[in-house]
All heavy atoms as atom14 arrays in JSON, in Angstrom:
{
  "sequence": "PKPLSRQAVSTAFKAVGEIVGIDLGTHSMRKTRGYHLYNKT",
  "atom14_mask": [
    [1, 1, 1, 1, 1, 1, 1, 0, 0, 0, 0, 0, 0, 0],
    [1, 1, 1, 1, 1, 1, 1, 1, 1, 0, 0, 0, 0, 0],
    [1, 1, 1, 1, 1, 1, 1, 0, 0, 0, 0, 0, 0, 0],
    [1, 1, 1, 1, 1, 1, 1, 1, 0, 0, 0, 0, 0, 0],
    [1, 1, 1, 1, 1, 1, 0, 0, 0, 0, 0, 0, 0, 0],
    [1, 1, 1, 1, 1, 1, 1, 1, 1, 1, 1, 0, 0, 0],
    [1, 1, 1, 1, 1, 1, 1, 1, 1, 0, 0, 0, 0, 0],
    [1, 1, 1, 1, 1, 0, 0, 0, 0, 0, 0, 0, 0, 0],
    [1, 1, 1, 1, 1, 1, 1, 0, 0, 0, 0, 0, 0, 0],
    [1, 1, 1, 1, 1, 1, 0, 0, 0, 0, 0, 0, 0, 0],
    [1, 1, 1, 1, 1, 1, 1, 0, 0, 0, 0, 0, 0, 0],
    [1, 1, 1, 1, 1, 0, 0, 0, 0, 0, 0, 0, 0, 0],
    [1, 1, 1, 1, 1, 1, 1, 1, 1, 1, 1, 0, 0, 0],
    [1, 1, 1, 1, 1, 1, 1, 1, 1, 0, 0, 0, 0, 0],
    [1, 1, 1, 1, 1, 0, 0, 0, 0, 0, 0, 0, 0, 0],
    [1, 1, 1, 1, 1, 1, 1, 0, 0, 0, 0, 0, 0, 0],
    [1, 1, 1, 1, 0, 0, 0, 0, 0, 0, 0, 0, 0, 0],
    [1, 1, 1, 1, 1, 1, 1, 1, 1, 0, 0, 0, 0, 0],
    [1, 1, 1, 1, 1, 1, 1, 1, 0, 0, 0, 0, 0, 0],
    [1, 1, 1, 1, 1, 1, 1, 0, 0, 0, 0, 0, 0, 0],
    [1, 1, 1, 1, 0, 0, 0, 0, 0, 0, 0, 0, 0, 0],
    [1, 1, 1, 1, 1, 1, 1, 1, 0, 0, 0, 0, 0, 0],
    [1, 1, 1, 1, 1, 1, 1, 1, 0, 0, 0, 0, 0, 0],
    [1, 1, 1, 1, 1, 1, 1, 1, 0, 0, 0, 0, 0, 0],
    [1, 1, 1, 1, 0, 0, 0, 0, 0, 0, 0, 0, 0, 0],
    [1, 1, 1, 1, 1, 1, 1, 0, 0, 0, 0, 0, 0, 0],
    [1, 1, 1, 1, 1, 1, 1, 1, 1, 1, 0, 0, 0, 0],
    [1, 1, 1, 1, 1, 1, 0, 0, 0, 0, 0, 0, 0, 0],
    [1, 1, 1, 1, 1, 1, 1, 1, 0, 0, 0, 0, 0, 0],
    [1, 1, 1, 1, 1, 1, 1, 1, 1, 1, 1, 0, 0, 0],
    [1, 1, 1, 1, 1, 1, 1, 1, 1, 0, 0, 0, 0, 0],
    [1, 1, 1, 1, 1, 1, 1, 0, 0, 0, 0, 0, 0, 0],
    [1, 1, 1, 1, 1, 1, 1, 1, 1, 1, 1, 0, 0, 0],
    [1, 1, 1, 1, 0, 0, 0, 0, 0, 0, 0, 0, 0, 0],
    [1, 1, 1, 1, 1, 1, 1, 1, 1, 1, 1, 1, 0, 0],
    [1, 1, 1, 1, 1, 1, 1, 1, 1, 1, 0, 0, 0, 0],
    [1, 1, 1, 1, 1, 1, 1, 1, 0, 0, 0, 0, 0, 0],
    [1, 1, 1, 1, 1, 1, 1, 1, 1, 1, 1, 1, 0, 0],
    [1, 1, 1, 1, 1, 1, 1, 1, 0, 0, 0, 0, 0, 0],
    [1, 1, 1, 1, 1, 1, 1, 1, 1, 0, 0, 0, 0, 0],
    [1, 1, 1, 1, 1, 1, 1, 0, 0, 0, 0, 0, 0, 0]
  ],
  "atom14_positions": [
    [[-3.52, -3.99, 24.98], [-2.93, -4.23, 23.66], [-3.71, -3.5, 22.57], [-4.93, -3.42, 22.6], [-3.08, -5.75, 23.49], [-3.26, -6.28, 24.87], [-3.98, -5.22, 25.62], [0.0, 0.0, 0.0], [0.0, 0.0, 0.0], [0.0, 0.0, 0.0], [0.0, 0.0, 0.0], [0.0, 0.0, 0.0], [0.0, 0.0, 0.0], [0.0, 0.0, 0.0]],
    [[-2.97, -2.95, 21.63], [-3.58, -2.26, 20.49], [-2.83, -2.66, 19.22], [-1.64, -2.95, 19.26], [-3.5, -0.74, 20.66], [-4.34, -0.19, 21.79], [-4.21, 1.33, 21.87], [-5.05, 1.9, 23.01], [-4.93, 3.37, 23.1], [0.0, 0.0, 0.0], [0.0, 0.0, 0.0], [0.0, 0.0, 0.0], [0.0, 0.0, 0.0], [0.0, 0.0, 0.0]],
    [[-3.54, -2.66, 18.1], [-2.84, -2.91, 16.83], [-2.03, -1.68, 16.43], [-2.26, -0.58, 16.94], [-3.97, -3.17, 15.85], [-5.14, -2.42, 16.41], [-4.99, -2.48, 17.9], [0.0, 0.0, 0.0], [0.0, 0.0, 0.0], [0.0, 0.0, 0.0], [0.0, 0.0, 0.0], [0.0, 0.0, 0.0], [0.0, 0.0, 0.0], [0.0, 0.0, 0.0]],
    [[-1.1, -1.88, 15.53], [-0.36, -0.76, 14.97], [-1.36, 0.21, 14.34], [-2.38, -0.21, 13.79], [0.62, -1.27, 13.92], [1.72, -0.31, 13.46], [2.66, 0.0, 14.61], [2.5, -0.92, 12.3], [0.0, 0.0, 0.0], [0.0, 0.0, 0.0], [0.0, 0.0, 0.0], [0.0, 0.0, 0.0], [0.0, 0.0, 0.0], [0.0, 0.0, 0.0]],
    [[-1.08, 1.5, 14.39], [-2.04, 2.47, 13.88], [-2.01, 2.57, 12.36], [-0.97, 2.36, 11.73], [-1.75, 3.86, 14.47], [-0.58, 4.41, 13.89], [0.0, 0.0, 0.0], [0.0, 0.0, 0.0], [0.0, 0.0, 0.0], [0.0, 0.0, 0.0], [0.0, 0.0, 0.0], [0.0, 0.0, 0.0], [0.0, 0.0, 0.0], [0.0, 0.0, 0.0]],
    [[-3.15, 2.91, 11.82], [-3.27, 3.1, 10.37], [-2.35, 4.24, 9.92], [-1.76, 4.19, 8.85], [-4.72, 3.42, 10.02], [-4.95, 3.71, 8.56], [-6.42, 3.88, 8.25], [-6.65, 4.1, 6.85], [-7.82, 3.96, 6.25], [-8.87, 3.58, 6.96], [-7.95, 4.18, 4.96], [0.0, 0.0, 0.0], [0.0, 0.0, 0.0], [0.0, 0.0, 0.0]],
    [[-2.24, 5.28, 10.76], [-1.41, 6.43, 10.41], [0.05, 6.03, 10.27], [0.75, 6.51, 9.37], [-1.56, 7.51, 11.47], [-0.81, 8.8, 11.16], [-1.26, 9.44, 9.86], [-2.46, 9.54, 9.6], [-0.33, 9.87, 9.02], [0.0, 0.0, 0.0], [0.0, 0.0, 0.0], [0.0, 0.0, 0.0], [0.0, 0.0, 0.0], [0.0, 0.0, 0.0]],
    [[0.53, 5.17, 11.15], [1.93, 4.73, 11.09], [2.2, 3.98, 9.79], [3.24, 4.18, 9.14], [2.25, 3.84, 12.28], [0.0, 0.0, 0.0], [0.0, 0.0, 0.0], [0.0, 0.0, 0.0], [0.0, 0.0, 0.0], [0.0, 0.0, 0.0], [0.0, 0.0, 0.0], [0.0, 0.0, 0.0], [0.0, 0.0, 0.0], [0.0, 0.0, 0.0]],
    [[1.26, 3.12, 9.4], [1.42, 2.36, 8.16], [1.35, 3.28, 6.95], [2.17, 3.2, 6.03], [0.33, 1.26, 8.05], [0.47, 0.48, 6.73], [0.42, 0.3, 9.23], [0.0, 0.0, 0.0], [0.0, 0.0, 0.0], [0.0, 0.0, 0.0], [0.0, 0.0, 0.0], [0.0, 0.0, 0.0], [0.0, 0.0, 0.0], [0.0, 0.0, 0.0]],
    [[0.38, 4.18, 6.96], [0.2, 5.12, 5.85], [1.43, 5.99, 5.64], [1.87, 6.21, 4.5], [-1.03, 5.99, 6.11], [-1.23, 6.91, 5.07], [0.0, 0.0, 0.0], [0.0, 0.0, 0.0], [0.0, 0.0, 0.0], [0.0, 0.0, 0.0], [0.0, 0.0, 0.0], [0.0, 0.0, 0.0], [0.0, 0.0, 0.0], [0.0, 0.0, 0.0]],
    [[1.99, 6.48, 6.73], [3.18, 7.33, 6.65], [4.36, 6.58, 6.05], [5.08, 7.11, 5.19], [3.56, 7.86, 8.06], [2.47, 8.64, 8.57], [4.81, 8.71, 8.0], [0.0, 0.0, 0.0], [0.0, 0.0, 0.0], [0.0, 0.0, 0.0], [0.0, 0.0, 0.0], [0.0, 0.0, 0.0], [0.0, 0.0, 0.0], [0.0, 0.0, 0.0]],
    [[4.55, 5.34, 6.49], [5.66, 4.53, 5.97], [5.47, 4.23, 4.49], [6.41, 4.32, 3.69], [5.77, 3.24, 6.77], [0.0, 0.0, 0.0], [0.0, 0.0, 0.0], [0.0, 0.0, 0.0], [0.0, 0.0, 0.0], [0.0, 0.0, 0.0], [0.0, 0.0, 0.0], [0.0, 0.0, 0.0], [0.0, 0.0, 0.0], [0.0, 0.0, 0.0]],
    [[4.25, 3.86, 4.1], [3.97, 3.54, 2.7], [4.21, 4.76, 1.8], [4.79, 4.65, 0.73], [2.53, 3.06, 2.54], [2.3, 1.63, 2.95], [3.24, 0.94, 3.69], [1.14, 0.96, 2.59], [3.04, -0.39, 4.06], [0.92, -0.36, 2.95], [1.87, -1.04, 3.7], [0.0, 0.0, 0.0], [0.0, 0.0, 0.0], [0.0, 0.0, 0.0]],
    [[3.73, 5.9, 2.26], [3.89, 7.12, 1.47], [5.36, 7.46, 1.26], [5.78, 7.82, 0.16], [3.18, 8.29, 2.15], [3.24, 9.59, 1.36], [2.49, 10.72, 2.07], [2.58, 12.01, 1.26], [1.87, 13.13, 1.93], [0.0, 0.0, 0.0], [0.0, 0.0, 0.0], [0.0, 0.0, 0.0], [0.0, 0.0, 0.0], [0.0, 0.0, 0.0]],
    [[6.16, 7.31, 2.32], [7.58, 7.62, 2.24], [8.3, 6.7, 1.25], [9.11, 7.15, 0.43], [8.22, 7.52, 3.62], [0.0, 0.0, 0.0], [0.0, 0.0, 0.0], [0.0, 0.0, 0.0], [0.0, 0.0, 0.0], [0.0, 0.0, 0.0], [0.0, 0.0, 0.0], [0.0, 0.0, 0.0], [0.0, 0.0, 0.0], [0.0, 0.0, 0.0]],
    [[7.99, 5.42, 1.31], [8.61, 4.47, 0.38], [8.09, 4.69, -1.04], [8.83, 4.55, -2.02], [8.38, 3.02, 0.85], [8.72, 2.02, -0.25], [9.21, 2.74, 2.1], [0.0, 0.0, 0.0], [0.0, 0.0, 0.0], [0.0, 0.0, 0.0], [0.0, 0.0, 0.0], [0.0, 0.0, 0.0], [0.0, 0.0, 0.0], [0.0, 0.0, 0.0]],
    [[6.84, 5.07, -1.15], [6.28, 5.39, -2.46], [7.04, 6.52, -3.14], [7.27, 6.5, -4.35], [0.0, 0.0, 0.0], [0.0, 0.0, 0.0], [0.0, 0.0, 0.0], [0.0, 0.0, 0.0], [0.0, 0.0, 0.0], [0.0, 0.0, 0.0], [0.0, 0.0, 0.0], [0.0, 0.0, 0.0], [0.0, 0.0, 0.0], [0.0, 0.0, 0.0]],
    [[7.44, 7.5, -2.34], [8.21, 8.63, -2.89], [9.58, 8.16, -3.38], [10.11, 8.67, -4.37], [8.35, 9.71, -1.83], [7.03, 10.44, -1.54], [7.12, 11.4, -0.37], [8.19, 11.43, 0.28], [6.13, 12.09, -0.1], [0.0, 0.0, 0.0], [0.0, 0.0, 0.0], [0.0, 0.0, 0.0], [0.0, 0.0, 0.0], [0.0, 0.0, 0.0]],
    [[10.15, 7.16, -2.72], [11.45, 6.63, -3.12], [11.34, 5.92, -4.48], [12.2, 6.09, -5.35], [12.01, 5.66, -2.06], [12.33, 6.41, -0.76], [13.27, 4.94, -2.58], [12.72, 5.5, 0.4], [0.0, 0.0, 0.0], [0.0, 0.0, 0.0], [0.0, 0.0, 0.0], [0.0, 0.0, 0.0], [0.0, 0.0, 0.0], [0.0, 0.0, 0.0]],
    [[10.29, 5.13, -4.65], [10.16, 4.32, -5.87], [9.33, 4.99, -6.96], [9.17, 4.46, -8.07], [9.56, 2.92, -5.56], [10.48, 2.16, -4.62], [8.16, 3.04, -4.96], [0.0, 0.0, 0.0], [0.0, 0.0, 0.0], [0.0, 0.0, 0.0], [0.0, 0.0, 0.0], [0.0, 0.0, 0.0], [0.0, 0.0, 0.0], [0.0, 0.0, 0.0]],
    [[8.76, 6.16, -6.66], [8.0, 6.9, -7.66], [6.61, 6.37, -7.92], [6.1, 6.42, -9.04], [0.0, 0.0, 0.0], [0.0, 0.0, 0.0], [0.0, 0.0, 0.0], [0.0, 0.0, 0.0], [0.0, 0.0, 0.0], [0.0, 0.0, 0.0], [0.0, 0.0, 0.0], [0.0, 0.0, 0.0], [0.0, 0.0, 0.0], [0.0, 0.0, 0.0]],
    [[5.97, 5.85, -6.86], [4.6, 5.33, -6.96], [3.75, 6.0, -5.88], [4.22, 6.2, -4.75], [4.56, 3.8, -6.76], [5.39, 3.09, -7.82], [3.12, 3.28, -6.79], [5.55, 1.6, -7.58], [0.0, 0.0, 0.0], [0.0, 0.0, 0.0], [0.0, 0.0, 0.0], [0.0, 0.0, 0.0], [0.0, 0.0, 0.0], [0.0, 0.0, 0.0]],
    [[2.51, 6.38, -6.22], [1.6, 6.92, -5.21], [1.11, 5.76, -4.34], [0.1, 5.12, -4.63], [0.41, 7.62, -5.88], [0.82, 8.91, -6.57], [1.75, 9.57, -6.08], [0.22, 9.23, -7.61], [0.0, 0.0, 0.0], [0.0, 0.0, 0.0], [0.0, 0.0, 0.0], [0.0, 0.0, 0.0], [0.0, 0.0, 0.0], [0.0, 0.0, 0.0]],
    [[1.88, 5.49, -3.3], [1.64, 4.31, -2.47], [0.85, 4.69, -1.22], [1.13, 5.69, -0.56], [2.99, 3.72, -2.06], [3.07, 2.22, -1.76], [2.7, 1.42, -3.0], [4.47, 1.85, -1.28], [0.0, 0.0, 0.0], [0.0, 0.0, 0.0], [0.0, 0.0, 0.0], [0.0, 0.0, 0.0], [0.0, 0.0, 0.0], [0.0, 0.0, 0.0]],
    [[-0.16, 3.89, -0.92], [-0.96, 4.11, 0.28], [-1.47, 2.78, 0.8], [-1.16, 1.73, 0.25], [0.0, 0.0, 0.0], [0.0, 0.0, 0.0], [0.0, 0.0, 0.0], [0.0, 0.0, 0.0], [0.0, 0.0, 0.0], [0.0, 0.0, 0.0], [0.0, 0.0, 0.0], [0.0, 0.0, 0.0], [0.0, 0.0, 0.0], [0.0, 0.0, 0.0]],
    [[-2.27, 2.84, 1.84], [-2.74, 1.59, 2.45], [-3.66, 0.79, 1.52], [-3.72, -0.43, 1.62], [-3.46, 1.88, 3.79], [-4.5, 2.84, 3.57], [-2.49, 2.42, 4.81], [0.0, 0.0, 0.0], [0.0, 0.0, 0.0], [0.0, 0.0, 0.0], [0.0, 0.0, 0.0], [0.0, 0.0, 0.0], [0.0, 0.0, 0.0], [0.0, 0.0, 0.0]],
    [[-4.36, 1.48, 0.62], [-5.22, 0.77, -0.33], [-4.4, 0.09, -1.44], [-4.93, -0.75, -2.19], [-6.23, 1.73, -0.98], [-7.49, 1.86, -0.21], [-8.54, 0.98, -0.31], [-7.88, 2.8, 0.7], [-9.52, 1.35, 0.49], [-9.14, 2.46, 1.12], [0.0, 0.0, 0.0], [0.0, 0.0, 0.0], [0.0, 0.0, 0.0], [0.0, 0.0, 0.0]],
    [[-3.13, 0.45, -1.55], [-2.3, -0.11, -2.62], [-2.17, -1.63, -2.52], [-2.08, -2.32, -3.54], [-0.9, 0.52, -2.61], [-0.96, 1.89, -2.95], [0.0, 0.0, 0.0], [0.0, 0.0, 0.0], [0.0, 0.0, 0.0], [0.0, 0.0, 0.0], [0.0, 0.0, 0.0], [0.0, 0.0, 0.0], [0.0, 0.0, 0.0], [0.0, 0.0, 0.0]],
    [[-2.16, -2.18, -1.31], [-2.05, -3.63, -1.15], [-3.24, -4.33, -1.79], [-3.08, -5.28, -2.57], [-1.97, -3.99, 0.34], [-0.75, -3.43, 1.05], [-0.74, -3.8, 2.83], [-2.05, -2.72, 3.43], [0.0, 0.0, 0.0], [0.0, 0.0, 0.0], [0.0, 0.0, 0.0], [0.0, 0.0, 0.0], [0.0, 0.0, 0.0], [0.0, 0.0, 0.0]],
    [[-4.41, -3.86, -1.46], [-5.66, -4.45, -1.96], [-5.79, -4.25, -3.48], [-6.15, -5.17, -4.21], [-6.81, -3.78, -1.2], [-8.2, -4.29, -1.45], [-9.1, -3.66, -0.39], [-10.5, -3.63, -0.78], [-11.35, -4.63, -0.6], [-10.93, -5.75, -0.06], [-12.61, -4.51, -0.96], [0.0, 0.0, 0.0], [0.0, 0.0, 0.0], [0.0, 0.0, 0.0]],
    [[-5.45, -3.05, -3.93], [-5.52, -2.76, -5.36], [-4.52, -3.62, -6.14], [-4.81, -4.08, -7.25], [-5.22, -1.28, -5.61], [-6.32, -0.34, -5.14], [-6.02, 1.1, -5.54], [-7.15, 2.02, -5.15], [-7.01, 3.36, -5.72], [0.0, 0.0, 0.0], [0.0, 0.0, 0.0], [0.0, 0.0, 0.0], [0.0, 0.0, 0.0], [0.0, 0.0, 0.0]],
    [[-3.35, -3.8, -5.56], [-2.29, -4.56, -6.24], [-2.71, -6.01, -6.46], [-2.52, -6.56, -7.54], [-0.99, -4.5, -5.42], [-0.53, -3.13, -5.39], [0.09, -5.37, -6.04], [0.0, 0.0, 0.0], [0.0, 0.0, 0.0], [0.0, 0.0, 0.0], [0.0, 0.0, 0.0], [0.0, 0.0, 0.0], [0.0, 0.0, 0.0], [0.0, 0.0, 0.0]],
    [[-3.27, -6.63, -5.44], [-3.7, -8.03, -5.61], [-4.82, -8.12, -6.65], [-4.83, -9.03, -7.48], [-4.16, -8.63, -4.29], [-4.46, -10.13, -4.44], [-4.49, -10.86, -3.12], [-4.56, -12.3, -3.36], [-3.5, -13.07, -3.6], [-2.3, -12.54, -3.63], [-3.64, -14.37, -3.81], [0.0, 0.0, 0.0], [0.0, 0.0, 0.0], [0.0, 0.0, 0.0]],
    [[-5.74, -7.18, -6.61], [-6.82, -7.19, -7.59], [-6.29, -7.01, -9.0], [-6.72, -7.7, -9.93], [0.0, 0.0, 0.0], [0.0, 0.0, 0.0], [0.0, 0.0, 0.0], [0.0, 0.0, 0.0], [0.0, 0.0, 0.0], [0.0, 0.0, 0.0], [0.0, 0.0, 0.0], [0.0, 0.0, 0.0], [0.0, 0.0, 0.0], [0.0, 0.0, 0.0]],
    [[-5.35, -6.09, -9.17], [-4.77, -5.82, -10.49], [-4.08, -7.06, -11.05], [-4.29, -7.44, -12.21], [-3.78, -4.67, -10.4], [-3.04, -4.4, -11.69], [-3.62, -3.61, -12.69], [-1.78, -4.94, -11.92], [-2.95, -3.39, -13.89], [-1.11, -4.72, -13.11], [-1.69, -3.94, -14.09], [-1.03, -3.73, -15.28], [0.0, 0.0, 0.0], [0.0, 0.0, 0.0]],
    [[-3.26, -7.72, -10.25], [-2.5, -8.87, -10.75], [-3.38, -10.1, -10.95], [-3.13, -10.9, -11.86], [-1.33, -9.17, -9.82], [-0.22, -8.16, -9.95], [0.66, -8.15, -11.02], [0.12, -7.09, -9.18], [1.5, -7.14, -10.89], [1.2, -6.48, -9.79], [0.0, 0.0, 0.0], [0.0, 0.0, 0.0], [0.0, 0.0, 0.0], [0.0, 0.0, 0.0]],
    [[-4.43, -10.24, -10.14], [-5.37, -11.34, -10.37], [-6.1, -11.12, -11.69], [-6.31, -12.06, -12.47], [-6.37, -11.46, -9.22], [-7.42, -12.57, -9.38], [-6.75, -13.94, -9.5], [-8.41, -12.55, -8.2], [0.0, 0.0, 0.0], [0.0, 0.0, 0.0], [0.0, 0.0, 0.0], [0.0, 0.0, 0.0], [0.0, 0.0, 0.0], [0.0, 0.0, 0.0]],
    [[-6.49, -9.87, -11.96], [-7.17, -9.58, -13.22], [-6.24, -9.83, -14.41], [-6.64, -10.41, -15.42], [-7.68, -8.15, -13.26], [-8.32, -7.79, -14.58], [-9.59, -8.26, -14.9], [-7.63, -7.04, -15.53], [-10.16, -7.97, -16.13], [-8.2, -6.76, -16.76], [-9.46, -7.22, -17.05], [-10.01, -6.96, -18.28], [0.0, 0.0, 0.0], [0.0, 0.0, 0.0]],
    [[-4.99, -9.39, -14.3], [-4.03, -9.59, -15.39], [-3.79, -11.07, -15.66], [-3.56, -11.47, -16.79], [-2.7, -8.91, -15.06], [-2.59, -7.53, -15.7], [-3.56, -7.04, -16.29], [-1.44, -6.9, -15.6], [0.0, 0.0, 0.0], [0.0, 0.0, 0.0], [0.0, 0.0, 0.0], [0.0, 0.0, 0.0], [0.0, 0.0, 0.0], [0.0, 0.0, 0.0]],
    [[-3.85, -11.87, -14.62], [-3.61, -13.3, -14.76], [-4.82, -14.01, -15.36], [-4.68, -14.92, -16.18], [-3.27, -13.9, -13.4], [-3.01, -15.4, -13.43], [-2.69, -15.93, -12.03], [-2.47, -17.43, -12.06], [-2.19, -17.97, -10.69], [0.0, 0.0, 0.0], [0.0, 0.0, 0.0], [0.0, 0.0, 0.0], [0.0, 0.0, 0.0], [0.0, 0.0, 0.0]],
    [[-6.02, -13.61, -14.95], [-7.23, -14.35, -15.33], [-8.12, -13.65, -16.35], [-8.91, -14.31, -17.04], [-8.09, -14.61, -14.09], [-8.56, -13.34, -13.57], [-7.29, -15.34, -13.01], [0.0, 0.0, 0.0], [0.0, 0.0, 0.0], [0.0, 0.0, 0.0], [0.0, 0.0, 0.0], [0.0, 0.0, 0.0], [0.0, 0.0, 0.0], [0.0, 0.0, 0.0]]
  ]
}
């Protein structure tokens, strides 16, 4: 058994980022939570 590859996730994120006009990558999840927590608090 192996986890899904980082490359597979990165490729999917980048493709969807191009659709919505955002530079989306695997770090975007972590950055997004940090950004919204800061905005809230």
